Amino acid sequence: MSDFIFCTAQYDSGDWDSAPLVPANLIDSIARYTSISVAPTGVTVPLGSTELFKYPLAYLTGHLPVRFSELERRNLREYCDRGGMLFVDDHNHDIDGVFHKSAVEELTRAVGPLKELPNTHAIYSSFFKFEDGPPATTHELNGWGDNLVHKHLLAAMRGDRIAVLYSSKDYSSEWGYHPDNKRFLSVDNTKFGVNIVVYALTG
């Protein structure tokens, strides 16, 4: 079996590369906690490229408005139909900001409506157990005066499988640090990222 390779999706609009430390941090967590054979470095793949089909999971983030091209939209739809999973995280800690509004609109056009994912879904127990659903982030609790915890993630489904997992929780900021700094944390805040990878590989 070939190594799992962490894939970041590059899209033509916005700032797809706003969280450059996240891939290395999650790669470290996969290697640290699981027996999954994982490549030591990730890859960046254009959302409109058929190269995307090589990867079971792709990560997409940003701060700015998202506008997919027709090629990106069509390719993403085929990627999800073929069994791929896209994890999208809003890298802002605001409420209904420009990334959120535009990304949800574009994802809905590409793959169908995003609906609240029940906090009992299998992704919350695919490796580590998260009894209350998606873990809150410090950026939610100390954001731009909103202090609103987003209680659910959103998902677009293909049958009973998550095709697109969407987060307004700003995990991209929460996980955007060098892996060596995990030793300063009382609780490793990247553990939910491990669940996402394990679910994408087995769900």
C-alpha atoms as a PDB file:
ATOM      1  CA  MET A   1       0.000   0.000   0.000  1.00  0.00           C
ATOM      2  CA  SER A   2       1.361   3.396  -0.948  1.00  0.00           C
ATOM      3  CA  ASP A   3       1.868   6.168   1.587  1.00  0.00           C
ATOM      4  CA  PHE A   4      -0.947   8.553   2.412  1.00  0.00           C
ATOM      5  CA  ILE A   5      -0.029  11.960   0.975  1.00  0.00           C
ATOM      6  CA  PHE A   6      -1.559  15.092   2.465  1.00  0.00           C
ATOM      7  CA  CYS A   7      -3.009  17.177  -0.374  1.00  0.00           C
ATOM      8  CA  THR A   8      -3.735  20.908  -0.286  1.00  0.00           C
ATOM      9  CA  ALA A   9      -6.138  22.129  -2.971  1.00  0.00           C
ATOM     10  CA  GLN A  10      -5.051  25.227  -4.887  1.00  0.00           C
ATOM     11  CA  TYR A  11      -7.834  27.337  -6.383  1.00  0.00           C
ATOM     12  CA  ASP A  12      -7.469  30.311  -8.706  1.00  0.00           C
ATOM     13  CA  SER A  13      -9.280  32.891  -6.572  1.00  0.00           C
ATOM     14  CA  GLY A  14      -8.525  33.981  -3.018  1.00  0.00           C
ATOM     15  CA  ASP A  15      -5.588  32.901  -0.844  1.00  0.00           C
ATOM     16  CA  TRP A  16      -5.503  29.100  -0.903  1.00  0.00           C
ATOM     17  CA  ASP A  17      -2.021  29.082   0.734  1.00  0.00           C
ATOM     18  CA  SER A  18      -3.010  31.005   3.880  1.00  0.00           C
ATOM     19  CA  ALA A  19      -2.162  28.140   6.283  1.00  0.00           C
ATOM     20  CA  PRO A  20       1.226  26.778   5.170  1.00  0.00           C
ATOM     21  CA  LEU A  21       2.089  25.084   8.502  1.00  0.00           C
ATOM     22  CA  VAL A  22      -1.063  22.957   8.737  1.00  0.00           C
ATOM     23  CA  PRO A  23       0.009  20.114   6.398  1.00  0.00           C
ATOM     24  CA  ALA A  24       3.284  19.411   8.236  1.00  0.00           C
ATOM     25  CA  ASN A  25       1.511  19.532  11.588  1.00  0.00           C
ATOM     26  CA  LEU A  26      -1.177  17.044  10.561  1.00  0.00           C
ATOM     27  CA  ILE A  27       1.382  14.792   8.870  1.00  0.00           C
ATOM     28  CA  ASP A  28       3.247  14.726  12.190  1.00  0.00           C
ATOM     29  CA  SER A  29       0.041  13.807  14.052  1.00  0.00           C
ATOM     30  CA  ILE A  30      -0.828  10.989  11.656  1.00  0.00           C
ATOM     31  CA  ALA A  31       2.671   9.550  12.087  1.00  0.00           C
ATOM     32  CA  ARG A  32       2.599  10.098  15.844  1.00  0.00           C
ATOM     33  CA  TYR A  33      -0.757   8.512  16.661  1.00  0.00           C
ATOM     34  CA  THR A  34      -1.637   6.034  13.918  1.00  0.00           C
ATOM     35  CA  SER A  35      -0.089   3.161  12.014  1.00  0.00           C
ATOM     36  CA  ILE A  36      -0.930   4.830   8.684  1.00  0.00           C
ATOM     37  CA  SER A  37       2.083   5.012   6.400  1.00  0.00           C
ATOM     38  CA  VAL A  38       2.301   8.720   5.619  1.00  0.00           C
ATOM     39  CA  ALA A  39       4.585  10.645   3.272  1.00  0.00           C
ATOM     40  CA  PRO A  40       6.797  13.150   5.148  1.00  0.00           C
ATOM     41  CA  THR A  41       5.755  16.056   2.951  1.00  0.00           C
ATOM     42  CA  GLY A  42       2.462  17.008   1.371  1.00  0.00           C
ATOM     43  CA  VAL A  43       1.573  18.150  -2.122  1.00  0.00           C
ATOM     44  CA  THR A  44      -0.326  21.069  -3.608  1.00  0.00           C
ATOM     45  CA  VAL A  45      -2.701  20.220  -6.447  1.00  0.00           C
ATOM     46  CA  PRO A  46      -4.834  22.602  -8.528  1.00  0.00           C
ATOM     47  CA  LEU A  47      -8.533  22.068  -7.873  1.00  0.00           C
ATOM     48  CA  GLY A  48      -9.121  21.944 -11.620  1.00  0.00           C
ATOM     49  CA  SER A  49      -6.528  19.222 -12.276  1.00  0.00           C
ATOM     50  CA  THR A  50      -7.293  15.524 -12.659  1.00  0.00           C
ATOM     51  CA  GLU A  51      -4.193  14.967 -10.475  1.00  0.00           C
ATOM     52  CA  LEU A  52      -6.613  15.593  -7.603  1.00  0.00           C
ATOM     53  CA  PHE A  53      -8.142  12.163  -8.221  1.00  0.00           C
ATOM     54  CA  LYS A  54      -4.975  10.502  -6.884  1.00  0.00           C
ATOM     55  CA  TYR A  55      -5.665  11.729  -3.349  1.00  0.00           C
ATOM     56  CA  PRO A  56      -8.477  10.469  -1.084  1.00  0.00           C
ATOM     57  CA  LEU A  57      -8.511  13.706   0.921  1.00  0.00           C
ATOM     58  CA  ALA A  58      -7.884  17.305  -0.069  1.00  0.00           C
ATOM     59  CA  TYR A  59      -7.702  20.321   2.257  1.00  0.00           C
ATOM     60  CA  LEU A  60      -8.899  23.770   1.195  1.00  0.00           C
ATOM     61  CA  THR A  61      -8.793  26.997   3.174  1.00  0.00           C
ATOM     62  CA  GLY A  62      -8.469  30.767   2.855  1.00  0.00           C
ATOM     63  CA  HIS A  63      -9.607  34.168   4.124  1.00  0.00           C
ATOM     64  CA  LEU A  64     -10.804  35.845   0.936  1.00  0.00           C
ATOM     65  CA  PRO A  65     -13.858  35.409  -1.322  1.00  0.00           C
ATOM     66  CA  VAL A  66     -13.909  32.112  -3.226  1.00  0.00           C
ATOM     67  CA  ARG A  67     -14.967  31.927  -6.845  1.00  0.00           C
ATOM     68  CA  PHE A  68     -14.445  28.601  -8.589  1.00  0.00           C
ATOM     69  CA  SER A  69     -13.961  28.462 -12.321  1.00  0.00           C
ATOM     70  CA  GLU A  70     -16.226  26.158 -14.317  1.00  0.00           C
ATOM     71  CA  LEU A  71     -13.295  23.735 -14.626  1.00  0.00           C
ATOM     72  CA  GLU A  72     -12.684  23.750 -10.855  1.00  0.00           C
ATOM     73  CA  ARG A  73     -16.380  23.251 -10.189  1.00  0.00           C
ATOM     74  CA  ARG A  74     -16.688  20.363 -12.627  1.00  0.00           C
ATOM     75  CA  ASN A  75     -13.496  18.698 -11.420  1.00  0.00           C
ATOM     76  CA  LEU A  76     -14.507  18.967  -7.769  1.00  0.00           C
ATOM     77  CA  ARG A  77     -17.888  17.405  -8.555  1.00  0.00           C
ATOM     78  CA  GLU A  78     -16.188  14.477 -10.286  1.00  0.00           C
ATOM     79  CA  TYR A  79     -13.653  14.134  -7.450  1.00  0.00           C
ATOM     80  CA  CYS A  80     -16.467  13.778  -4.912  1.00  0.00           C
ATOM     81  CA  ASP A  81     -18.451  11.440  -7.157  1.00  0.00           C
ATOM     82  CA  ARG A  82     -15.386   9.204  -7.467  1.00  0.00           C
ATOM     83  CA  GLY A  83     -15.048   8.891  -3.688  1.00  0.00           C
ATOM     84  CA  GLY A  84     -12.731  11.776  -2.821  1.00  0.00           C
ATOM     85  CA  MET A  85     -13.338  13.943   0.246  1.00  0.00           C
ATOM     86  CA  LEU A  86     -12.709  17.686   0.460  1.00  0.00           C
ATOM     87  CA  PHE A  87     -12.137  19.258   3.891  1.00  0.00           C
ATOM     88  CA  VAL A  88     -12.808  22.997   3.782  1.00  0.00           C
ATOM     89  CA  ASP A  89     -11.964  25.231   6.738  1.00  0.00           C
ATOM     90  CA  ASP A  90     -12.785  28.932   6.983  1.00  0.00           C
ATOM     91  CA  HIS A  91      -9.509  30.571   8.040  1.00  0.00           C
ATOM     92  CA  ASN A  92     -11.355  33.570   9.479  1.00  0.00           C
ATOM     93  CA  HIS A  93     -12.752  33.681  12.978  1.00  0.00           C
ATOM     94  CA  ASP A  94     -15.706  35.856  12.136  1.00  0.00           C
ATOM     95  CA  ILE A  95     -19.393  35.181  11.584  1.00  0.00           C
ATOM     96  CA  ASP A  96     -20.729  34.734   8.053  1.00  0.00           C
ATOM     97  CA  GLY A  97     -17.703  36.480   6.536  1.00  0.00           C
ATOM     98  CA  VAL A  98     -16.704  36.694   2.902  1.00  0.00           C
ATOM     99  CA  PHE A  99     -14.935  33.328   2.735  1.00  0.00           C
ATOM    100  CA  HIS A 100     -17.833  31.541   4.404  1.00  0.00           C
ATOM    101  CA  LYS A 101     -20.559  33.056   2.234  1.00  0.00           C
ATOM    102  CA  SER A 102     -18.723  32.608  -1.055  1.00  0.00           C
ATOM    103  CA  ALA A 103     -17.293  29.150  -0.283  1.00  0.00           C
ATOM    104  CA  VAL A 104     -20.660  27.740   0.788  1.00  0.00           C
ATOM    105  CA  GLU A 105     -22.227  29.164  -2.367  1.00  0.00           C
ATOM    106  CA  GLU A 106     -19.544  27.693  -4.616  1.00  0.00           C
ATOM    107  CA  LEU A 107     -19.512  24.310  -2.890  1.00  0.00           C
ATOM    108  CA  THR A 108     -23.290  24.098  -3.156  1.00  0.00           C
ATOM    109  CA  ARG A 109     -23.077  24.809  -6.883  1.00  0.00           C
ATOM    110  CA  ALA A 110     -20.383  22.177  -7.327  1.00  0.00           C
ATOM    111  CA  VAL A 111     -21.472  19.285  -5.137  1.00  0.00           C
ATOM    112  CA  GLY A 112     -24.875  20.064  -3.611  1.00  0.00           C
ATOM    113  CA  PRO A 113     -26.208  21.619  -0.404  1.00  0.00           C
ATOM    114  CA  LEU A 114     -24.225  21.660   2.820  1.00  0.00           C
ATOM    115  CA  LYS A 115     -26.222  20.522   5.833  1.00  0.00           C
ATOM    116  CA  GLU A 116     -25.445  20.284   9.530  1.00  0.00           C
ATOM    117  CA  LEU A 117     -23.531  17.122  10.318  1.00  0.00           C
ATOM    118  CA  PRO A 118     -24.891  15.396  13.443  1.00  0.00           C
ATOM    119  CA  ASN A 119     -22.438  15.497  16.323  1.00  0.00           C
ATOM    120  CA  THR A 120     -22.924  11.743  16.639  1.00  0.00           C
ATOM    121  CA  HIS A 121     -21.507  11.118  13.150  1.00  0.00           C
ATOM    122  CA  ALA A 122     -18.855   8.415  12.752  1.00  0.00           C
ATOM    123  CA  ILE A 123     -16.154  10.994  11.960  1.00  0.00           C
ATOM    124  CA  TYR A 124     -16.163  11.976  15.655  1.00  0.00           C
ATOM    125  CA  SER A 125     -15.168   8.450  16.662  1.00  0.00           C
ATOM    126  CA  SER A 126     -13.140   7.325  13.630  1.00  0.00           C
ATOM    127  CA  PHE A 127      -9.955   7.383  15.744  1.00  0.00           C
ATOM    128  CA  PHE A 128     -10.164   9.639  18.787  1.00  0.00           C
ATOM    129  CA  LYS A 129     -13.529   9.998  20.526  1.00  0.00           C
ATOM    130  CA  PHE A 130     -15.165  13.432  20.519  1.00  0.00           C
ATOM    131  CA  GLU A 131     -18.325  13.003  22.589  1.00  0.00           C
ATOM    132  CA  ASP A 132     -19.628  16.516  21.883  1.00  0.00           C
ATOM    133  CA  GLY A 133     -18.878  16.646  18.172  1.00  0.00           C
ATOM    134  CA  PRO A 134     -16.332  19.048  16.674  1.00  0.00           C
ATOM    135  CA  PRO A 135     -13.862  20.428  19.220  1.00  0.00           C
ATOM    136  CA  ALA A 136     -14.084  24.172  19.786  1.00  0.00           C
ATOM    137  CA  THR A 137     -11.103  26.358  18.961  1.00  0.00           C
ATOM    138  CA  THR A 138      -9.546  29.213  20.872  1.00  0.00           C
ATOM    139  CA  HIS A 139     -10.195  31.370  17.792  1.00  0.00           C
ATOM    140  CA  GLU A 140     -13.928  30.884  18.173  1.00  0.00           C
ATOM    141  CA  LEU A 141     -13.804  31.753  21.847  1.00  0.00           C
ATOM    142  CA  ASN A 142     -11.527  34.764  21.371  1.00  0.00           C
ATOM    143  CA  GLY A 143     -12.489  35.983  17.926  1.00  0.00           C
ATOM    144  CA  TRP A 144     -13.521  39.412  16.720  1.00  0.00           C
ATOM    145  CA  GLY A 145     -15.904  39.974  19.605  1.00  0.00           C
ATOM    146  CA  ASP A 146     -18.300  37.241  18.546  1.00  0.00           C
ATOM    147  CA  ASN A 147     -17.412  34.504  21.071  1.00  0.00           C
ATOM    148  CA  LEU A 148     -19.774  32.191  19.207  1.00  0.00           C
ATOM    149  CA  VAL A 149     -18.988  28.509  19.126  1.00  0.00           C
ATOM    150  CA  HIS A 150     -20.123  26.821  15.924  1.00  0.00           C
ATOM    151  CA  LYS A 151     -21.807  23.718  17.297  1.00  0.00           C
ATOM    152  CA  HIS A 152     -21.844  21.705  14.068  1.00  0.00           C
ATOM    153  CA  LEU A 153     -19.757  21.175  10.993  1.00  0.00           C
ATOM    154  CA  LEU A 154     -21.505  21.150   7.633  1.00  0.00           C
ATOM    155  CA  ALA A 155     -21.308  18.401   5.049  1.00  0.00           C
ATOM    156  CA  ALA A 156     -22.325  17.554   1.521  1.00  0.00           C
ATOM    157  CA  MET A 157     -23.011  13.857   1.240  1.00  0.00           C
ATOM    158  CA  ARG A 158     -22.740  11.156  -1.377  1.00  0.00           C
ATOM    159  CA  GLY A 159     -25.058   8.508  -0.009  1.00  0.00           C
ATOM    160  CA  ASP A 160     -23.969   7.963   3.587  1.00  0.00           C
ATOM    161  CA  ARG A 161     -20.417   9.189   2.920  1.00  0.00           C
ATOM    162  CA  ILE A 162     -19.108  12.705   3.524  1.00  0.00           C
ATOM    163  CA  ALA A 163     -17.987  14.204   0.225  1.00  0.00           C
ATOM    164  CA  VAL A 164     -17.323  17.738   1.517  1.00  0.00           C
ATOM    165  CA  LEU A 165     -16.710  18.526   5.186  1.00  0.00           C
ATOM    166  CA  TYR A 166     -17.026  22.242   5.930  1.00  0.00           C
ATOM    167  CA  SER A 167     -15.816  23.969   9.101  1.00  0.00           C
ATOM    168  CA  SER A 168     -16.374  27.529  10.336  1.00  0.00           C
ATOM    169  CA  LYS A 169     -14.159  26.823  13.350  1.00  0.00           C
ATOM    170  CA  ASP A 170     -10.847  28.124  11.961  1.00  0.00           C
ATOM    171  CA  TYR A 171      -8.867  24.952  12.557  1.00  0.00           C
ATOM    172  CA  SER A 172      -6.408  26.437  10.074  1.00  0.00           C
ATOM    173  CA  SER A 173      -5.317  28.958  12.713  1.00  0.00           C
ATOM    174  CA  GLU A 174      -5.556  26.417  15.544  1.00  0.00           C
ATOM    175  CA  TRP A 175      -3.283  23.929  13.734  1.00  0.00           C
ATOM    176  CA  GLY A 176      -0.980  26.504  12.104  1.00  0.00           C
ATOM    177  CA  TYR A 177       2.177  25.957  14.139  1.00  0.00           C
ATOM    178  CA  HIS A 178       5.386  23.937  13.875  1.00  0.00           C
ATOM    179  CA  PRO A 179       4.931  20.319  15.053  1.00  0.00           C
ATOM    180  CA  ASP A 180       7.805  20.683  17.538  1.00  0.00           C
ATOM    181  CA  ASN A 181       5.611  23.066  19.541  1.00  0.00           C
ATOM    182  CA  LYS A 182       3.199  20.255  20.447  1.00  0.00           C
ATOM    183  CA  ARG A 183       5.337  19.586  23.499  1.00  0.00           C
ATOM    184  CA  PHE A 184       4.125  22.881  24.975  1.00  0.00           C
ATOM    185  CA  LEU A 185       0.457  21.865  24.753  1.00  0.00           C
ATOM    186  CA  SER A 186      -1.349  20.112  27.589  1.00  0.00           C
ATOM    187  CA  VAL A 187      -3.740  18.643  24.999  1.00  0.00           C
ATOM    188  CA  ASP A 188      -2.762  18.176  21.360  1.00  0.00           C
ATOM    189  CA  ASN A 189      -5.326  20.247  19.455  1.00  0.00           C
ATOM    190  CA  THR A 190      -4.642  18.472  16.129  1.00  0.00           C
ATOM    191  CA  LYS A 191      -6.277  15.189  17.134  1.00  0.00           C
ATOM    192  CA  PHE A 192      -9.498  15.928  15.277  1.00  0.00           C
ATOM    193  CA  GLY A 193      -7.410  16.324  12.117  1.00  0.00           C
ATOM    194  CA  VAL A 194      -6.362  12.694  12.584  1.00  0.00           C
ATOM    195  CA  ASN A 195     -10.028  11.684  12.686  1.00  0.00           C
ATOM    196  CA  ILE A 196     -10.675  13.495   9.395  1.00  0.00           C
ATOM    197  CA  VAL A 197      -7.813  11.646   7.697  1.00  0.00           C
ATOM    198  CA  VAL A 198      -8.794   8.261   9.104  1.00  0.00           C
ATOM    199  CA  TYR A 199     -12.423   8.792   8.060  1.00  0.00           C
ATOM    200  CA  ALA A 200     -11.395   9.807   4.530  1.00  0.00           C
ATOM    201  CA  LEU A 201      -9.309   6.632   4.217  1.00  0.00           C
ATOM    202  CA  THR A 202     -11.854   4.251   5.708  1.00  0.00           C
ATOM    203  CA  GLY A 203     -15.307   5.867   5.607  1.00  0.00           C
END
